[in-house]
Structures are given as structure tokens and as C-alpha cells.
Amino acid sequence: MNYKMNQQSKTTASTRRLFAAALVLGCTLAGGARAQSITSPPTSTLITPPVGNTAFLVGHAQGTQGYVCLPAPGGASWTVNSARPEATLFTTIFGNNFEIITHFLSPNTHPNKYAPDTLPFGNATWQSTFDSSKIWAQAQHSVNAGTEAACPHTGSISCLLLQVIGSLEGPTGGKGLLPTTYVQRLNTTGGSAPADGCAVAGDVGKQVLVPYGADYYFFRKDN
């Protein structure tokens, strides 16, 4: 009897923690937690958002960068400049990891004034797990991994500053990610294209998924 009561107590406590975490994250993504402060690490001017933008959310990503071997002068090379990201972003609350955002490549269906006149076939995309709001962004600047404190892991994919070029409400009106103006990709680990396997015409068409991690900081305009 005591065993059952203990198990029920543990289940109830766990449920309460999960509910509280979901509530905190939901409020943050919905813009309700305006007082919350996210401190992004110091970065070089090149990959720092313009003054007047402040971080409001951070997600720790685990996923892959996808590369395709394509023809290139003298042979073939991996598609380094258009790698396909697929990742899940997490945050930690009460010692547990909670999924908050998915990251992938998709067509920009609602471009804003910063989008290029000719859109590529897909842009980097982030979609809220809570309300399905979505943003698209394109890289503005990059620094090589290993060149500054916020991007310390030499040989990993570069760290980036991306500007939002499109956004879309969730199907039920969710707007959690819509205030985002810039995204920083920092503290990258892994993800770089292989050093071999794509050099000659016979390699064209090969594909590879390379595991990577990163911290993504989401910025919005100051009130």
C-alpha cells in the first residue's frame, strides 16, 4: 500500500513539474514573460545583432547537417554553402530537457521586407513546438569555429548571425516566435562536411548526415 502511495506521489510531483515547465515556456514563447532576461555571450561585432535587439529565448540544438555531393570544377564537392539542417532545440527546466523548437530547411511562404527578391528553394526554419509559429532566416555574417570564445570548437561548423526574412502564425494563431528579428548560432560542435568521399564525378549524388550541436539565441526588438 505504501509503495503504491509513494509511486502516486512521485507521479503527481513529476506531473506538476512538467506542467510548471510547460507553463513557463508557453508564457515565454507567447511573449508573456517580458521581464525574463536572456544573456547572450559576448561576440565579435560581425555576428552581434544590431543595437536595439535583445535575446529573449535560447535553445540548445542536437541534430544533423545534411550534405549532397555535387559536380564542381575539376570534380565534385560537398554542398557546404547549402547544408540541410535538421535539429531539435531543448531547454532545461527542473533538471529535465524539454523540446521547444524544431529546426529544418523549408520554403519561405511568408517573406518580409528583408527577404531577397529571388528566394532560394528553402531557408533555415525554426518552428515552435508549443504553438507552431514559424520563422525563416538567412545568414548575414559568419565566423570560423575556434576564432572566438562564443565559438570555441575548431573544425566545427561556423557560428552565424542570421536575419529573419519571413514569419508565419501557427494554425491556431500562435505567435511565440514572430517577434524574432535575429538568430545567433553559437558554440557549435561538429557538423562540418567530410574531408573526403566527394572528389570525382563518380561521387556525385552521395549524401551524408553529420551530427552537430549548437546554441541558438533568438532576439527581438527592445520595447
Foldseek 3Di string as FASTA:
>chain_A
DVVVVVVVVVVVVVVVQVVVVCVVLVCLLQVNPVVDADDDDDDDPQQDDDPQKGFRDKWKKKWWWKWFWAADVQFIDTPQVDTWTWIWTWDDGPRDTDTFKTKTWADFPFFDPPADPDHDRTFIKIATPNFRKMWGWDFDGWDAACPDDQRNDHPADIKTKIATGHIDGGPVRRCSQVQFGIKIWTNKDKHGDDPDQHGHHVSGGDMDIIIMITMMTTMGGDD
